Amino acid sequence: MALKKRERRAPVGARDVKLFPELTLEQALDFVTNAKKVEGLRESTLKDYTKHYGYFVKWLEEFHPDITLIKLIQKT
């Protein structure tokens, strides 16, 4: 009878790491609006999302021009 080999376990901190693609601001907007379309939101709601996101992007460009990827935005 063969013995089972022990599997190597990932270090404790490595288990919680989630890898996300690096999305630009435009790609993130497209991703969200497509997901919301699939959920069945109305066109007027999607237009409002796009309009409000546009205001946010203009603010980012003015006050934080170095932020070009979604992963650079952090909650505080």
C-alpha atoms as a PDB file:
ATOM      1  CA  MET A   1       0.000   0.000   0.000  1.00  0.00           C
ATOM      2  CA  ALA A   2       1.433   3.366  -1.046  1.00  0.00           C
ATOM      3  CA  LEU A   3       1.747   6.165   1.442  1.00  0.00           C
ATOM      4  CA  LYS A   4       0.105   9.467   0.691  1.00  0.00           C
ATOM      5  CA  LYS A   5       2.557  12.275   0.094  1.00  0.00           C
ATOM      6  CA  ARG A   6       2.002  15.368   2.117  1.00  0.00           C
ATOM      7  CA  GLU A   7       0.839  18.327   0.166  1.00  0.00           C
ATOM      8  CA  ARG A   8       2.644  21.556   0.713  1.00  0.00           C
ATOM      9  CA  ARG A   9       0.446  24.122   2.297  1.00  0.00           C
ATOM     10  CA  ALA A  10       0.456  27.748   1.313  1.00  0.00           C
ATOM     11  CA  PRO A  11       1.747  30.175   3.935  1.00  0.00           C
ATOM     12  CA  VAL A  12      -0.983  31.737   6.042  1.00  0.00           C
ATOM     13  CA  GLY A  13      -0.830  35.164   4.387  1.00  0.00           C
ATOM     14  CA  ALA A  14      -0.758  33.763   0.855  1.00  0.00           C
ATOM     15  CA  ARG A  15      -4.215  32.221   1.182  1.00  0.00           C
ATOM     16  CA  ASP A  16      -5.930  35.576   1.422  1.00  0.00           C
ATOM     17  CA  VAL A  17      -4.297  37.145  -1.629  1.00  0.00           C
ATOM     18  CA  LYS A  18      -6.750  37.724  -4.452  1.00  0.00           C
ATOM     19  CA  LEU A  19      -5.469  38.466  -7.908  1.00  0.00           C
ATOM     20  CA  PHE A  20      -7.476  40.891  -9.995  1.00  0.00           C
ATOM     21  CA  PRO A  21      -6.710  42.083 -13.506  1.00  0.00           C
ATOM     22  CA  GLU A  22      -5.267  45.548 -13.871  1.00  0.00           C
ATOM     23  CA  LEU A  23      -8.174  47.541 -15.263  1.00  0.00           C
ATOM     24  CA  THR A  24      -8.038  51.085 -16.531  1.00  0.00           C
ATOM     25  CA  LEU A  25     -10.795  53.432 -15.444  1.00  0.00           C
ATOM     26  CA  GLU A  26     -12.608  53.004 -18.782  1.00  0.00           C
ATOM     27  CA  GLN A  27     -12.340  49.219 -18.669  1.00  0.00           C
ATOM     28  CA  ALA A  28     -13.763  49.207 -15.145  1.00  0.00           C
ATOM     29  CA  LEU A  29     -16.739  51.304 -16.245  1.00  0.00           C
ATOM     30  CA  ASP A  30     -17.406  48.948 -19.156  1.00  0.00           C
ATOM     31  CA  PHE A  31     -17.144  45.950 -16.836  1.00  0.00           C
ATOM     32  CA  VAL A  32     -19.638  47.382 -14.347  1.00  0.00           C
ATOM     33  CA  THR A  33     -22.142  48.623 -16.913  1.00  0.00           C
ATOM     34  CA  ASN A  34     -22.110  45.270 -18.731  1.00  0.00           C
ATOM     35  CA  ALA A  35     -22.644  43.428 -15.448  1.00  0.00           C
ATOM     36  CA  LYS A  36     -25.516  45.747 -14.540  1.00  0.00           C
ATOM     37  CA  LYS A  37     -27.081  45.281 -18.007  1.00  0.00           C
ATOM     38  CA  VAL A  38     -27.093  41.545 -17.426  1.00  0.00           C
ATOM     39  CA  GLU A  39     -28.768  42.124 -14.055  1.00  0.00           C
ATOM     40  CA  GLY A  40     -31.548  43.906 -15.924  1.00  0.00           C
ATOM     41  CA  LEU A  41     -31.096  47.529 -14.883  1.00  0.00           C
ATOM     42  CA  ARG A  42     -32.844  50.130 -16.982  1.00  0.00           C
ATOM     43  CA  GLU A  43     -30.999  52.169 -19.591  1.00  0.00           C
ATOM     44  CA  SER A  44     -31.668  55.385 -17.671  1.00  0.00           C
ATOM     45  CA  THR A  45     -29.994  53.930 -14.583  1.00  0.00           C
ATOM     46  CA  LEU A  46     -26.981  52.843 -16.629  1.00  0.00           C
ATOM     47  CA  LYS A  47     -26.729  56.321 -18.157  1.00  0.00           C
ATOM     48  CA  ASP A  48     -26.801  57.837 -14.672  1.00  0.00           C
ATOM     49  CA  TYR A  49     -24.026  55.476 -13.541  1.00  0.00           C
ATOM     50  CA  THR A  50     -21.935  56.521 -16.534  1.00  0.00           C
ATOM     51  CA  LYS A  51     -22.611  60.217 -15.915  1.00  0.00           C
ATOM     52  CA  HIS A  52     -21.660  60.018 -12.226  1.00  0.00           C
ATOM     53  CA  TYR A  53     -18.583  57.957 -13.012  1.00  0.00           C
ATOM     54  CA  GLY A  54     -17.604  60.639 -15.527  1.00  0.00           C
ATOM     55  CA  TYR A  55     -17.736  63.270 -12.784  1.00  0.00           C
ATOM     56  CA  PHE A  56     -15.535  61.072 -10.611  1.00  0.00           C
ATOM     57  CA  VAL A  57     -13.004  60.521 -13.407  1.00  0.00           C
ATOM     58  CA  LYS A  58     -12.832  64.275 -14.132  1.00  0.00           C
ATOM     59  CA  TRP A  59     -12.153  64.898 -10.441  1.00  0.00           C
ATOM     60  CA  LEU A  60      -9.446  62.220 -10.447  1.00  0.00           C
ATOM     61  CA  GLU A  61      -7.808  63.716 -13.538  1.00  0.00           C
ATOM     62  CA  GLU A  62      -7.770  67.140 -11.933  1.00  0.00           C
ATOM     63  CA  PHE A  63      -6.615  66.274  -8.416  1.00  0.00           C
ATOM     64  CA  HIS A  64      -4.890  62.891  -8.842  1.00  0.00           C
ATOM     65  CA  PRO A  65      -3.602  62.638 -12.427  1.00  0.00           C
ATOM     66  CA  ASP A  66      -1.239  59.794 -11.476  1.00  0.00           C
ATOM     67  CA  ILE A  67      -4.176  57.414 -10.879  1.00  0.00           C
ATOM     68  CA  THR A  68      -4.889  55.558 -14.110  1.00  0.00           C
ATOM     69  CA  LEU A  69      -5.748  52.071 -12.847  1.00  0.00           C
ATOM     70  CA  ILE A  70      -8.580  50.962 -10.589  1.00  0.00           C
ATOM     71  CA  LYS A  71      -6.186  49.134  -8.262  1.00  0.00           C
ATOM     72  CA  LEU A  72      -4.593  52.499  -7.354  1.00  0.00           C
ATOM     73  CA  ILE A  73      -7.849  53.712  -5.793  1.00  0.00           C
ATOM     74  CA  GLN A  74      -8.072  52.863  -2.095  1.00  0.00           C
ATOM     75  CA  LYS A  75     -10.774  53.173   0.525  1.00  0.00           C
ATOM     76  CA  THR A  76      -9.901  55.478   3.388  1.00  0.00           C
END
